[in-house]
C-alpha atoms as a PDB file:
ATOM      1  CA  MET A   1      -4.842 -27.038 -18.748  1.00  0.00           C
ATOM      2  CA  LEU A   2      -8.062 -29.244 -18.445  1.00  0.00           C
ATOM      3  CA  ALA A   3      -5.922 -31.821 -16.699  1.00  0.00           C
ATOM      4  CA  GLU A   4      -4.467 -29.171 -14.123  1.00  0.00           C
ATOM      5  CA  THR A   5      -8.001 -27.309 -13.583  1.00  0.00           C
ATOM      6  CA  ALA A   6     -10.505 -30.204 -13.972  1.00  0.00           C
ATOM      7  CA  PRO A   7      -9.948 -31.771 -10.084  1.00  0.00           C
ATOM      8  CA  VAL A   8     -10.293 -28.087  -8.774  1.00  0.00           C
ATOM      9  CA  LEU A   9     -13.597 -27.131 -10.928  1.00  0.00           C
ATOM     10  CA  ARG A  10     -14.906 -30.584  -9.935  1.00  0.00           C
ATOM     11  CA  GLN A  11     -15.228 -29.299  -6.417  1.00  0.00           C
ATOM     12  CA  TYR A  12     -17.376 -26.653  -7.633  1.00  0.00           C
ATOM     13  CA  GLY A  13     -19.672 -29.102  -9.533  1.00  0.00           C
ATOM     14  CA  ILE A  14     -18.628 -27.779 -12.804  1.00  0.00           C
ATOM     15  CA  GLN A  15     -17.614 -29.851 -15.982  1.00  0.00           C
ATOM     16  CA  PRO A  16     -15.290 -27.797 -18.161  1.00  0.00           C
ATOM     17  CA  ASP A  17     -15.503 -27.905 -21.770  1.00  0.00           C
ATOM     18  CA  PHE A  18     -12.618 -25.790 -22.525  1.00  0.00           C
ATOM     19  CA  VAL A  19      -9.900 -23.678 -20.520  1.00  0.00           C
ATOM     20  CA  GLU A  20      -7.949 -20.803 -21.718  1.00  0.00           C
ATOM     21  CA  SER A  21      -4.836 -19.680 -19.760  1.00  0.00           C
ATOM     22  CA  TYR A  22      -4.399 -15.803 -19.126  1.00  0.00           C
ATOM     23  CA  GLY A  23      -1.354 -15.893 -17.014  1.00  0.00           C
ATOM     24  CA  ARG A  24      -2.651 -17.125 -13.532  1.00  0.00           C
ATOM     25  CA  VAL A  25      -6.078 -16.864 -14.411  1.00  0.00           C
ATOM     26  CA  TYR A  26      -7.987 -19.422 -16.511  1.00  0.00           C
ATOM     27  CA  LYS A  27     -10.991 -18.791 -18.483  1.00  0.00           C
ATOM     28  CA  VAL A  28     -13.308 -21.823 -18.072  1.00  0.00           C
ATOM     29  CA  TYR A  29     -16.140 -22.544 -20.653  1.00  0.00           C
ATOM     30  CA  SER A  30     -18.662 -24.871 -19.523  1.00  0.00           C
ATOM     31  CA  LYS A  31     -22.418 -25.815 -20.100  1.00  0.00           C
ATOM     32  CA  THR A  32     -23.444 -23.761 -16.775  1.00  0.00           C
ATOM     33  CA  GLY A  33     -21.528 -20.476 -18.033  1.00  0.00           C
ATOM     34  CA  GLN A  34     -18.174 -18.761 -18.263  1.00  0.00           C
ATOM     35  CA  TYR A  35     -16.029 -18.536 -15.142  1.00  0.00           C
ATOM     36  CA  ALA A  36     -12.575 -17.060 -14.218  1.00  0.00           C
ATOM     37  CA  LEU A  37     -10.351 -19.591 -11.995  1.00  0.00           C
ATOM     38  CA  LYS A  38      -7.435 -17.901 -10.482  1.00  0.00           C
ATOM     39  CA  LYS A  39      -4.424 -19.667  -8.964  1.00  0.00           C
ATOM     40  CA  ILE A  40      -2.413 -17.817  -6.199  1.00  0.00           C
ATOM     41  CA  ASP A  41       0.228 -18.553  -3.498  1.00  0.00           C
ATOM     42  CA  SER A  42      -1.087 -20.577  -0.775  1.00  0.00           C
ATOM     43  CA  ASN A  43       1.128 -18.742   1.748  1.00  0.00           C
ATOM     44  CA  THR A  44      -0.388 -15.369   1.183  1.00  0.00           C
ATOM     45  CA  GLY A  45      -3.876 -16.220  -0.396  1.00  0.00           C
ATOM     46  CA  THR A  46      -6.242 -16.973   2.517  1.00  0.00           C
ATOM     47  CA  GLY A  47      -6.228 -13.408   4.189  1.00  0.00           C
ATOM     48  CA  PHE A  48      -7.864 -11.925   1.295  1.00  0.00           C
ATOM     49  CA  ILE A  49     -10.876 -14.440   1.206  1.00  0.00           C
ATOM     50  CA  ARG A  50     -11.633 -13.013   4.563  1.00  0.00           C
ATOM     51  CA  ASN A  51     -11.296  -9.454   3.558  1.00  0.00           C
ATOM     52  CA  VAL A  52     -13.613  -9.972   0.592  1.00  0.00           C
ATOM     53  CA  GLN A  53     -16.427 -11.703   2.773  1.00  0.00           C
ATOM     54  CA  TYR A  54     -15.808  -8.643   5.324  1.00  0.00           C
ATOM     55  CA  LEU A  55     -16.458  -6.133   2.414  1.00  0.00           C
ATOM     56  CA  PHE A  56     -19.493  -7.961   1.327  1.00  0.00           C
ATOM     57  CA  GLN A  57     -20.990  -8.173   5.110  1.00  0.00           C
ATOM     58  CA  ARG A  58     -20.359  -4.360   4.917  1.00  0.00           C
ATOM     59  CA  GLY A  59     -22.506  -3.845   2.046  1.00  0.00           C
ATOM     60  CA  PHE A  60     -19.769  -3.254  -0.521  1.00  0.00           C
ATOM     61  CA  ASN A  61     -20.803  -5.090  -3.700  1.00  0.00           C
ATOM     62  CA  ARG A  62     -18.624  -3.497  -6.278  1.00  0.00           C
ATOM     63  CA  MET A  63     -16.106  -6.387  -6.509  1.00  0.00           C
ATOM     64  CA  VAL A  64     -16.156  -9.472  -8.565  1.00  0.00           C
ATOM     65  CA  PRO A  65     -17.992 -12.114  -6.334  1.00  0.00           C
ATOM     66  CA  VAL A  66     -15.764 -15.153  -5.166  1.00  0.00           C
ATOM     67  CA  TYR A  67     -18.224 -18.306  -5.490  1.00  0.00           C
ATOM     68  CA  PRO A  68     -18.210 -21.078  -3.001  1.00  0.00           C
ATOM     69  CA  ALA A  69     -17.263 -24.768  -3.288  1.00  0.00           C
ATOM     70  CA  THR A  70     -19.836 -27.341  -3.045  1.00  0.00           C
ATOM     71  CA  ASP A  71     -18.658 -27.809   0.557  1.00  0.00           C
ATOM     72  CA  GLY A  72     -18.556 -24.156   1.336  1.00  0.00           C
ATOM     73  CA  ARG A  73     -15.029 -23.176   1.075  1.00  0.00           C
ATOM     74  CA  TYR A  74     -14.093 -20.163  -1.046  1.00  0.00           C
ATOM     75  CA  ALA A  75     -10.428 -21.233  -1.834  1.00  0.00           C
ATOM     76  CA  ILE A  76      -9.394 -24.841  -2.883  1.00  0.00           C
ATOM     77  CA  LEU A  77      -5.852 -26.098  -1.922  1.00  0.00           C
ATOM     78  CA  GLU A  78      -4.564 -28.092  -4.724  1.00  0.00           C
ATOM     79  CA  LYS A  79      -0.882 -29.322  -5.273  1.00  0.00           C
ATOM     80  CA  GLY A  80       0.629 -26.526  -3.228  1.00  0.00           C
ATOM     81  CA  SER A  81      -1.608 -23.880  -4.818  1.00  0.00           C
ATOM     82  CA  LEU A  82      -4.838 -22.157  -3.978  1.00  0.00           C
ATOM     83  CA  TYR A  83      -7.482 -21.512  -6.557  1.00  0.00           C
ATOM     84  CA  TYR A  84     -10.780 -19.476  -6.269  1.00  0.00           C
ATOM     85  CA  LEU A  85     -13.562 -19.091  -8.770  1.00  0.00           C
ATOM     86  CA  MET A  86     -15.308 -16.090 -10.058  1.00  0.00           C
ATOM     87  CA  PRO A  87     -17.740 -15.176 -12.909  1.00  0.00           C
ATOM     88  CA  TRP A  88     -15.986 -14.152 -16.022  1.00  0.00           C
ATOM     89  CA  LEU A  89     -16.703 -10.399 -16.972  1.00  0.00           C
ATOM     90  CA  PRO A  90     -15.771  -9.698 -20.469  1.00  0.00           C
ATOM     91  CA  ASN A  91     -14.945  -6.196 -19.871  1.00  0.00           C
ATOM     92  CA  GLY A  92     -16.066  -5.330 -23.254  1.00  0.00           C
ATOM     93  CA  TYR A  93     -18.042  -2.143 -22.070  1.00  0.00           C
ATOM     94  CA  LYS A  94     -16.436   0.676 -23.877  1.00  0.00           C
ATOM     95  CA  ALA A  95     -16.212   3.511 -21.122  1.00  0.00           C
ATOM     96  CA  ASN A  96     -14.119   6.336 -22.118  1.00  0.00           C
ATOM     97  CA  ARG A  97     -11.340   7.154 -20.116  1.00  0.00           C
ATOM     98  CA  SER A  98     -12.732   9.976 -18.046  1.00  0.00           C
ATOM     99  CA  ASP A  99     -15.906   7.846 -17.075  1.00  0.00           C
ATOM    100  CA  GLU A 100     -13.897   4.898 -16.223  1.00  0.00           C
ATOM    101  CA  SER A 101     -11.455   6.630 -13.985  1.00  0.00           C
ATOM    102  CA  GLN A 102     -14.352   8.709 -12.451  1.00  0.00           C
ATOM    103  CA  GLN A 103     -16.073   5.626 -11.674  1.00  0.00           C
ATOM    104  CA  PHE A 104     -12.983   3.851 -10.235  1.00  0.00           C
ATOM    105  CA  PHE A 105     -12.359   6.781  -7.723  1.00  0.00           C
ATOM    106  CA  ARG A 106     -15.945   6.838  -6.604  1.00  0.00           C
ATOM    107  CA  GLU A 107     -15.846   3.238  -5.800  1.00  0.00           C
ATOM    108  CA  LEU A 108     -12.645   3.273  -4.196  1.00  0.00           C
ATOM    109  CA  ALA A 109     -13.849   6.070  -1.955  1.00  0.00           C
ATOM    110  CA  ARG A 110     -16.926   3.949  -1.198  1.00  0.00           C
ATOM    111  CA  LEU A 111     -14.817   0.910  -0.120  1.00  0.00           C
ATOM    112  CA  HIS A 112     -12.753   3.123   2.031  1.00  0.00           C
ATOM    113  CA  THR A 113     -16.034   4.803   3.411  1.00  0.00           C
ATOM    114  CA  LEU A 114     -17.751   1.427   4.321  1.00  0.00           C
ATOM    115  CA  SER A 115     -14.685  -0.221   5.989  1.00  0.00           C
ATOM    116  CA  ALA A 116     -13.112   2.999   7.841  1.00  0.00           C
ATOM    117  CA  ALA A 117     -12.626   2.680  11.466  1.00  0.00           C
ATOM    118  CA  GLU A 118     -10.591   4.546  14.087  1.00  0.00           C
ATOM    119  CA  VAL A 119      -7.609   3.046  15.802  1.00  0.00           C
ATOM    120  CA  ASP A 120      -5.406   3.845  18.632  1.00  0.00           C
ATOM    121  CA  ILE A 121      -2.137   5.457  17.859  1.00  0.00           C
ATOM    122  CA  GLY A 122       0.229   6.299  20.354  1.00  0.00           C
ATOM    123  CA  LYS A 123       2.484   9.569  20.341  1.00  0.00           C
ATOM    124  CA  GLU A 124       5.642   7.130  20.472  1.00  0.00           C
ATOM    125  CA  ASP A 125       4.396   5.354  17.405  1.00  0.00           C
ATOM    126  CA  ARG A 126       4.063   8.306  15.373  1.00  0.00           C
ATOM    127  CA  GLU A 127       7.421   9.661  16.469  1.00  0.00           C
ATOM    128  CA  ARG A 128       9.139   6.367  15.727  1.00  0.00           C
ATOM    129  CA  HIS A 129       7.439   6.705  12.117  1.00  0.00           C
ATOM    130  CA  TYR A 130       8.715  10.238  11.534  1.00  0.00           C
ATOM    131  CA  GLU A 131      12.082   9.294  12.868  1.00  0.00           C
ATOM    132  CA  ALA A 132      12.414   6.386  10.613  1.00  0.00           C
ATOM    133  CA  VAL A 133      11.267   8.492   7.393  1.00  0.00           C
ATOM    134  CA  VAL A 134      13.839  11.191   8.244  1.00  0.00           C
ATOM    135  CA  LYS A 135      16.630   8.745   8.882  1.00  0.00           C
ATOM    136  CA  GLN A 136      16.135   7.118   5.407  1.00  0.00           C
ATOM    137  CA  TRP A 137      15.643  10.603   3.727  1.00  0.00           C
ATOM    138  CA  GLU A 138      18.821  11.898   5.189  1.00  0.00           C
ATOM    139  CA  LYS A 139      20.761   9.006   3.636  1.00  0.00           C
ATOM    140  CA  ASP A 140      19.269   9.549   0.493  1.00  0.00           C
ATOM    141  CA  GLU A 141      20.454  13.383   1.055  1.00  0.00           C
ATOM    142  CA  GLU A 142      23.953  12.150   1.734  1.00  0.00           C
ATOM    143  CA  PHE A 143      24.225   9.896  -1.226  1.00  0.00           C
ATOM    144  CA  LEU A 144      22.766  12.537  -3.545  1.00  0.00           C
ATOM    145  CA  ASP A 145      25.335  15.257  -2.364  1.00  0.00           C
ATOM    146  CA  GLY A 146      28.232  12.523  -3.020  1.00  0.00           C
ATOM    147  CA  PHE A 147      26.826  11.453  -6.419  1.00  0.00           C
ATOM    148  CA  ILE A 148      26.582  14.964  -7.576  1.00  0.00           C
ATOM    149  CA  GLU A 149      30.162  15.634  -6.533  1.00  0.00           C
ATOM    150  CA  SER A 150      31.469  12.889  -8.145  1.00  0.00           C
ATOM    151  CA  CYS A 151      29.540  13.618 -11.430  1.00  0.00           C
ATOM    152  CA  GLU A 152      30.891  17.507 -11.616  1.00  0.00           C
ATOM    153  CA  ASN A 153      34.436  16.128 -10.920  1.00  0.00           C
ATOM    154  CA  GLU A 154      34.210  13.707 -14.152  1.00  0.00           C
ATOM    155  CA  TRP A 155      36.554  14.936 -16.918  1.00  0.00           C
ATOM    156  CA  TYR A 156      34.327  12.933 -19.407  1.00  0.00           C
ATOM    157  CA  PRO A 157      30.805  12.271 -17.641  1.00  0.00           C
ATOM    158  CA  SER A 158      28.602   9.780 -18.950  1.00  0.00           C
ATOM    159  CA  PRO A 159      25.093  10.698 -20.510  1.00  0.00           C
ATOM    160  CA  PHE A 160      23.472   9.449 -17.394  1.00  0.00           C
ATOM    161  CA  GLN A 161      25.580  11.521 -15.136  1.00  0.00           C
ATOM    162  CA  MET A 162      25.090  14.661 -17.550  1.00  0.00           C
ATOM    163  CA  LEU A 163      21.132  14.177 -17.216  1.00  0.00           C
ATOM    164  CA  PHE A 164      21.760  13.940 -13.330  1.00  0.00           C
ATOM    165  CA  CYS A 165      23.348  17.101 -12.936  1.00  0.00           C
ATOM    166  CA  GLN A 166      20.670  18.722 -15.231  1.00  0.00           C
ATOM    167  CA  TYR A 167      18.081  17.425 -12.857  1.00  0.00           C
ATOM    168  CA  TYR A 168      19.746  17.580  -9.513  1.00  0.00           C
ATOM    169  CA  GLN A 169      18.210  21.004  -8.576  1.00  0.00           C
ATOM    170  CA  ASP A 170      14.507  19.662  -9.389  1.00  0.00           C
ATOM    171  CA  ILE A 171      15.200  16.559  -7.304  1.00  0.00           C
ATOM    172  CA  ARG A 172      16.465  18.344  -4.094  1.00  0.00           C
ATOM    173  CA  GLN A 173      13.583  21.056  -4.302  1.00  0.00           C
ATOM    174  CA  ALA A 174      10.878  18.055  -4.290  1.00  0.00           C
ATOM    175  CA  MET A 175      12.940  16.737  -1.458  1.00  0.00           C
ATOM    176  CA  GLY A 176      12.740  20.037   0.401  1.00  0.00           C
ATOM    177  CA  TYR A 177       8.850  20.021  -0.267  1.00  0.00           C
ATOM    178  CA  SER A 178       8.380  16.513   1.106  1.00  0.00           C
ATOM    179  CA  ARG A 179      10.305  17.243   4.474  1.00  0.00           C
ATOM    180  CA  ARG A 180       8.289  20.396   5.113  1.00  0.00           C
ATOM    181  CA  LYS A 181       5.129  18.562   4.619  1.00  0.00           C
ATOM    182  CA  LEU A 182       6.361  15.700   6.744  1.00  0.00           C
ATOM    183  CA  ASP A 183       7.257  18.483   9.511  1.00  0.00           C
ATOM    184  CA  ASP A 184       3.575  19.841   9.214  1.00  0.00           C
ATOM    185  CA  TRP A 185       2.434  16.370   9.709  1.00  0.00           C
ATOM    186  CA  LYS A 186       4.270  15.826  12.799  1.00  0.00           C
ATOM    187  CA  GLU A 187       3.142  19.171  14.276  1.00  0.00           C
ATOM    188  CA  ASN A 188      -0.407  18.701  13.122  1.00  0.00           C
ATOM    189  CA  THR A 189      -0.486  14.962  14.970  1.00  0.00           C
ATOM    190  CA  ALA A 190       1.265  16.065  17.984  1.00  0.00           C
ATOM    191  CA  GLU A 191      -2.072  15.759  20.138  1.00  0.00           C
ATOM    192  CA  LEU A 192      -3.748  12.913  18.268  1.00  0.00           C
ATOM    193  CA  THR A 193      -4.280   9.595  19.962  1.00  0.00           C
ATOM    194  CA  LYS A 194      -6.206   8.030  17.043  1.00  0.00           C
ATOM    195  CA  ALA A 195      -5.847   7.600  13.323  1.00  0.00           C
ATOM    196  CA  ARG A 196      -8.307   6.342  10.674  1.00  0.00           C
ATOM    197  CA  MET A 197      -7.692   3.038   8.843  1.00  0.00           C
ATOM    198  CA  VAL A 198      -9.376   1.561   5.995  1.00  0.00           C
ATOM    199  CA  MET A 199      -9.688  -1.755   4.162  1.00  0.00           C
ATOM    200  CA  LEU A 200      -7.290  -1.195   1.279  1.00  0.00           C
ATOM    201  CA  HIS A 201      -7.375  -2.770  -2.243  1.00  0.00           C
ATOM    202  CA  GLY A 202      -3.591  -3.109  -1.928  1.00  0.00           C
ATOM    203  CA  LYS A 203      -3.146  -2.967  -5.717  1.00  0.00           C
ATOM    204  CA  SER A 204      -5.017  -0.337  -6.937  1.00  0.00           C
ATOM    205  CA  SER A 205      -5.172   0.257 -10.799  1.00  0.00           C
ATOM    206  CA  LEU A 206      -7.488   0.715 -13.654  1.00  0.00           C
ATOM    207  CA  ASP A 207      -6.043  -2.751 -14.781  1.00  0.00           C
ATOM    208  CA  HIS A 208      -7.998  -4.243 -11.652  1.00  0.00           C
ATOM    209  CA  PHE A 209     -11.078  -2.495 -12.214  1.00  0.00           C
ATOM    210  CA  VAL A 210     -13.398  -4.085 -14.831  1.00  0.00           C
ATOM    211  CA  PHE A 211     -16.788  -3.512 -16.428  1.00  0.00           C
ATOM    212  CA  ASP A 212     -19.833  -5.720 -17.172  1.00  0.00           C
ATOM    213  CA  GLU A 213     -22.195  -5.178 -20.092  1.00  0.00           C
ATOM    214  CA  ARG A 214     -24.241  -2.522 -18.370  1.00  0.00           C
ATOM    215  CA  GLY A 215     -21.089  -0.285 -17.681  1.00  0.00           C
ATOM    216  CA  TYR A 216     -20.783  -0.961 -13.887  1.00  0.00           C
ATOM    217  CA  GLY A 217     -17.325  -1.209 -12.892  1.00  0.00           C
ATOM    218  CA  TYR A 218     -16.144  -3.859 -10.368  1.00  0.00           C
ATOM    219  CA  PHE A 219     -12.768  -4.461  -8.588  1.00  0.00           C
ATOM    220  CA  ILE A 220     -10.800  -7.435  -9.023  1.00  0.00           C
ATOM    221  CA  ASN A 221      -7.386  -8.849  -7.435  1.00  0.00           C
ATOM    222  CA  PHE A 222      -7.986  -8.270  -3.871  1.00  0.00           C
ATOM    223  CA  GLU A 223      -5.220 -10.348  -2.899  1.00  0.00           C
ATOM    224  CA  GLY A 224      -3.017  -7.510  -1.557  1.00  0.00           C
ATOM    225  CA  SER A 225      -5.968  -6.331   0.454  1.00  0.00           C
ATOM    226  CA  THR A 226      -5.165  -5.363   4.054  1.00  0.00           C
ATOM    227  CA  ASN A 227      -5.848  -2.439   6.512  1.00  0.00           C
ATOM    228  CA  GLY A 228      -3.900   0.801   6.406  1.00  0.00           C
ATOM    229  CA  SER A 229      -4.184   4.450   5.769  1.00  0.00           C
ATOM    230  CA  PRO A 230      -6.371   5.353   2.750  1.00  0.00           C
ATOM    231  CA  ILE A 231      -3.381   7.161   1.174  1.00  0.00           C
ATOM    232  CA  ARG A 232      -1.704   3.867   0.805  1.00  0.00           C
ATOM    233  CA  ASP A 233      -4.136   3.035  -2.012  1.00  0.00           C
ATOM    234  CA  LEU A 234      -3.920   6.336  -3.667  1.00  0.00           C
ATOM    235  CA  LEU A 235      -0.134   6.815  -3.586  1.00  0.00           C
ATOM    236  CA  PRO A 236       0.720   3.797  -6.020  1.00  0.00           C
ATOM    237  CA  PHE A 237      -2.009   4.714  -8.536  1.00  0.00           C
ATOM    238  CA  PHE A 238      -0.838   8.183  -9.129  1.00  0.00           C
ATOM    239  CA  ALA A 239       2.831   7.034  -9.204  1.00  0.00           C
ATOM    240  CA  GLU A 240       2.013   4.616 -11.867  1.00  0.00           C
ATOM    241  CA  ARG A 241      -0.320   6.954 -13.795  1.00  0.00           C
ATOM    242  CA  LEU A 242       1.923   9.825 -13.823  1.00  0.00           C
ATOM    243  CA  ARG A 243       5.049   8.125 -15.456  1.00  0.00           C
ATOM    244  CA  VAL A 244       4.345   9.742 -18.928  1.00  0.00           C
ATOM    245  CA  ARG A 245       5.557  12.606 -20.866  1.00  0.00           C
ATOM    246  CA  PRO A 246       5.259  16.195 -19.189  1.00  0.00           C
ATOM    247  CA  ARG A 247       2.047  17.660 -19.635  1.00  0.00           C
ATOM    248  CA  LYS A 248      -0.580  19.525 -17.532  1.00  0.00           C
ATOM    249  CA  VAL A 249      -2.348  16.623 -15.991  1.00  0.00           C
ATOM    250  CA  GLU A 250      -5.443  18.353 -14.735  1.00  0.00           C
ATOM    251  CA  GLU A 251      -7.622  15.152 -15.085  1.00  0.00           C
ATOM    252  CA  HIS A 252      -5.531  13.598 -11.917  1.00  0.00           C
ATOM    253  CA  VAL A 253      -6.386  16.416 -10.048  1.00  0.00           C
ATOM    254  CA  GLU A 254     -10.248  15.923 -11.021  1.00  0.00           C
ATOM    255  CA  TRP A 255      -9.988  12.240  -9.922  1.00  0.00           C
ATOM    256  CA  LEU A 256      -8.253  13.053  -6.530  1.00  0.00           C
ATOM    257  CA  SER A 257     -11.272  15.671  -6.064  1.00  0.00           C
ATOM    258  CA  THR A 258     -13.850  13.217  -7.061  1.00  0.00           C
ATOM    259  CA  TYR A 259     -12.308  10.685  -4.412  1.00  0.00           C
ATOM    260  CA  GLN A 260     -12.476  13.386  -1.665  1.00  0.00           C
ATOM    261  CA  LYS A 261     -15.794  14.402  -2.597  1.00  0.00           C
ATOM    262  CA  HIS A 262     -17.105  11.115  -1.398  1.00  0.00           C
ATOM    263  CA  PHE A 263     -14.361  10.408   1.075  1.00  0.00           C
ATOM    264  CA  PRO A 264     -12.511  13.508   2.381  1.00  0.00           C
ATOM    265  CA  LEU A 265      -9.144  12.945   3.526  1.00  0.00           C
ATOM    266  CA  ARG A 266      -8.443  14.341   7.124  1.00  0.00           C
ATOM    267  CA  GLU A 267      -5.623  17.064   7.536  1.00  0.00           C
ATOM    268  CA  ASP A 268      -3.114  14.911   8.898  1.00  0.00           C
ATOM    269  CA  GLU A 269      -3.699  12.172   5.985  1.00  0.00           C
ATOM    270  CA  LYS A 270      -3.351  15.292   3.212  1.00  0.00           C
ATOM    271  CA  LEU A 271      -0.061  16.612   4.483  1.00  0.00           C
ATOM    272  CA  LEU A 272       1.295  12.960   4.701  1.00  0.00           C
ATOM    273  CA  PHE A 273      -0.150  11.988   1.138  1.00  0.00           C
ATOM    274  CA  LYS A 274       1.696  15.233  -0.292  1.00  0.00           C
ATOM    275  CA  SER A 275       4.784  14.450   1.534  1.00  0.00           C
ATOM    276  CA  TYR A 276       5.051  10.907   0.140  1.00  0.00           C
ATOM    277  CA  MET A 277       3.573  11.673  -3.068  1.00  0.00           C
ATOM    278  CA  ALA A 278       6.195  14.489  -3.799  1.00  0.00           C
ATOM    279  CA  TYR A 279       9.049  12.472  -2.537  1.00  0.00           C
ATOM    280  CA  PRO A 280      11.410  11.558  -5.374  1.00  0.00           C
ATOM    281  CA  SER A 281      12.103   7.912  -4.208  1.00  0.00           C
ATOM    282  CA  ALA A 282      12.148   6.293  -7.553  1.00  0.00           C
ATOM    283  CA  ILE A 283      14.581   8.773  -9.420  1.00  0.00           C
ATOM    284  CA  ILE A 284      16.640   8.696  -6.419  1.00  0.00           C
ATOM    285  CA  ARG A 285      16.705   4.690  -6.394  1.00  0.00           C
ATOM    286  CA  SER A 286      17.514   4.926 -10.174  1.00  0.00           C
ATOM    287  CA  ALA A 287      20.512   6.998  -9.341  1.00  0.00           C
ATOM    288  CA  GLN A 288      21.813   4.834  -6.635  1.00  0.00           C
ATOM    289  CA  SER A 289      21.361   1.501  -8.848  1.00  0.00           C
ATOM    290  CA  TYR A 290      23.297   3.311 -11.560  1.00  0.00           C
ATOM    291  CA  HIS A 291      26.150   4.413  -9.079  1.00  0.00           C
ATOM    292  CA  ALA A 292      26.228   1.023  -7.533  1.00  0.00           C
ATOM    293  CA  LYS A 293      26.922  -0.665 -10.869  1.00  0.00           C
ATOM    294  CA  GLU A 294      29.208   2.158 -11.891  1.00  0.00           C
ATOM    295  CA  ARG A 295      29.488   1.798 -15.534  1.00  0.00           C
ATOM    296  CA  ASN A 296      28.549  -2.003 -16.198  1.00  0.00           C
ATOM    297  CA  VAL A 297      25.181  -0.846 -17.154  1.00  0.00           C
ATOM    298  CA  PHE A 298      23.564  -0.496 -20.192  1.00  0.00           C
ATOM    299  CA  GLU A 299      23.749   3.405 -20.707  1.00  0.00           C
ATOM    300  CA  LEU A 300      20.808   3.839 -23.156  1.00  0.00           C
ATOM    301  CA  ARG A 301      18.479   1.928 -20.916  1.00  0.00           C
ATOM    302  CA  ALA A 302      19.525   3.630 -17.887  1.00  0.00           C
ATOM    303  CA  VAL A 303      19.265   7.047 -19.150  1.00  0.00           C
ATOM    304  CA  GLN A 304      15.539   6.319 -20.698  1.00  0.00           C
ATOM    305  CA  LYS A 305      14.485   5.281 -17.376  1.00  0.00           C
ATOM    306  CA  PHE A 306      15.828   8.046 -15.646  1.00  0.00           C
ATOM    307  CA  GLN A 307      14.302  10.588 -18.003  1.00  0.00           C
ATOM    308  CA  LYS A 308      10.631   8.799 -17.634  1.00  0.00           C
ATOM    309  CA  LEU A 309      11.359   9.150 -13.865  1.00  0.00           C
ATOM    310  CA  TYR A 310      12.015  12.757 -14.097  1.00  0.00           C
ATOM    311  CA  TRP A 311       9.000  12.983 -16.403  1.00  0.00           C
ATOM    312  CA  GLN A 312       6.877  11.313 -13.403  1.00  0.00           C
ATOM    313  CA  LEU A 313       8.476  13.922 -10.720  1.00  0.00           C
ATOM    314  CA  LYS A 314       7.498  17.082 -12.944  1.00  0.00           C
ATOM    315  CA  ASN A 315       3.705  15.689 -13.566  1.00  0.00           C
ATOM    316  CA  THR A 316       3.758  15.048  -9.670  1.00  0.00           C
ATOM    317  CA  GLU A 317       4.771  18.489  -9.126  1.00  0.00           C
ATOM    318  CA  TYR A 318       2.131  19.815 -11.286  1.00  0.00           C
ATOM    319  CA  VAL A 319      -0.557  17.702  -9.446  1.00  0.00           C
ATOM    320  CA  VAL A 320       0.589  18.485  -5.595  1.00  0.00           C
ATOM    321  CA  MET A 321       0.970  22.144  -6.626  1.00  0.00           C
ATOM    322  CA  ARG A 322      -2.611  22.289  -7.876  1.00  0.00           C
ATOM    323  CA  VAL A 323      -3.884  20.521  -4.680  1.00  0.00           C
ATOM    324  CA  GLU A 324      -2.255  23.186  -2.652  1.00  0.00           C
ATOM    325  CA  GLU A 325      -3.951  25.954  -5.033  1.00  0.00           C
ATOM    326  CA  ILE A 326      -7.231  24.583  -4.417  1.00  0.00           C
ATOM    327  CA  GLU A 327      -6.851  24.092  -0.705  1.00  0.00           C
ATOM    328  CA  LYS A 328      -5.531  27.484  -0.515  1.00  0.00           C
ATOM    329  CA  GLN A 329      -8.470  28.638  -2.231  1.00  0.00           C
ATOM    330  CA  ARG A 330     -11.020  26.832  -0.387  1.00  0.00           C
ATOM    331  CA  GLY A 331      -9.710  28.225   2.932  1.00  0.00           C
ATOM    332  CA  GLU A 332      -9.679  31.455   1.628  1.00  0.00           C
ATOM    333  CA  ALA A 333     -13.253  31.196   0.683  1.00  0.00           C
ATOM    334  CA  GLU A 334     -14.365  29.578   3.875  1.00  0.00           C
ATOM    335  CA  ALA A 335     -12.531  32.557   5.774  1.00  0.00           C
ATOM    336  CA  SER A 336     -14.322  35.090   3.782  1.00  0.00           C
ATOM    337  CA  GLN A 337     -17.594  33.552   4.210  1.00  0.00           C
ATOM    338  CA  SER A 338     -16.945  33.245   8.083  1.00  0.00           C
ATOM    339  CA  ALA A 339     -15.953  36.826   8.445  1.00  0.00           C
ATOM    340  CA  SER A 340     -19.126  38.094   6.306  1.00  0.00           C
ATOM    341  CA  SER A 341     -21.518  36.240   8.625  1.00  0.00           C
END
């Protein structure tokens, strides 16, 4: 590892004493301190450097800084790969899970706040987006109708087919809710000519949020950063965190409330967020994958995966319904207050 990294580190004026490998990240020990040297794809790695610099210029400092080389470059091309250097954060601070998540969402909201900008969106663009989504969802409906019929016609259905039949109505119910919210979004945005875009982290996850010894959290891994709707940072986070055994995931509702306290979603963003979040795409893709391979699959593994995706569906349903309930209560309270004044 020393042989691989030494030529790169030399361009930062660092003489390594020892290097440890953690996948694509190298922990560098030297007389001047400890560093993290990361190796990334040269074809996709240049854009994020510009994004990181942009965020620093906007005043966002809750990300691990990227050090410049001695010649001012923020990334070094070496043998077809890009390398960039950061300080090594031990992430040894023992924050409890709730505090860690609350800080994560506060900083994500601040990242979005500092980078938010209005962009022109034509009515035709929204219409094309709506039609493309509806077309895909109609294909999913067609598949589900055919697959449930074939499962019910089996003399000896497989365990996967039996599980699919058991959960079919829940899947269709989630699809119906998503379609209604998508239709509401179309109606809500009919006269809008602008949309809000932010700098997205691109891989928002607690795994990409580390702490220093004082307990301050910092984002890492901005390689997927890009501009887009703020919900694109929220959706994959919740999809990942909700794939657990069914339970009242109230803390997830609190996390979303924390985010919106610092960066409130607009009505059109809320509608699209609830529509996409509730849509059971992962469990539909699992059924499609099973059907495509027919019986040439490891049945137990397919059933276990499908069961976990159903847990995700039910946990997501709880969060979305709680969000609906909170919004309804807030609307009633505002209406009552307005009527009394």
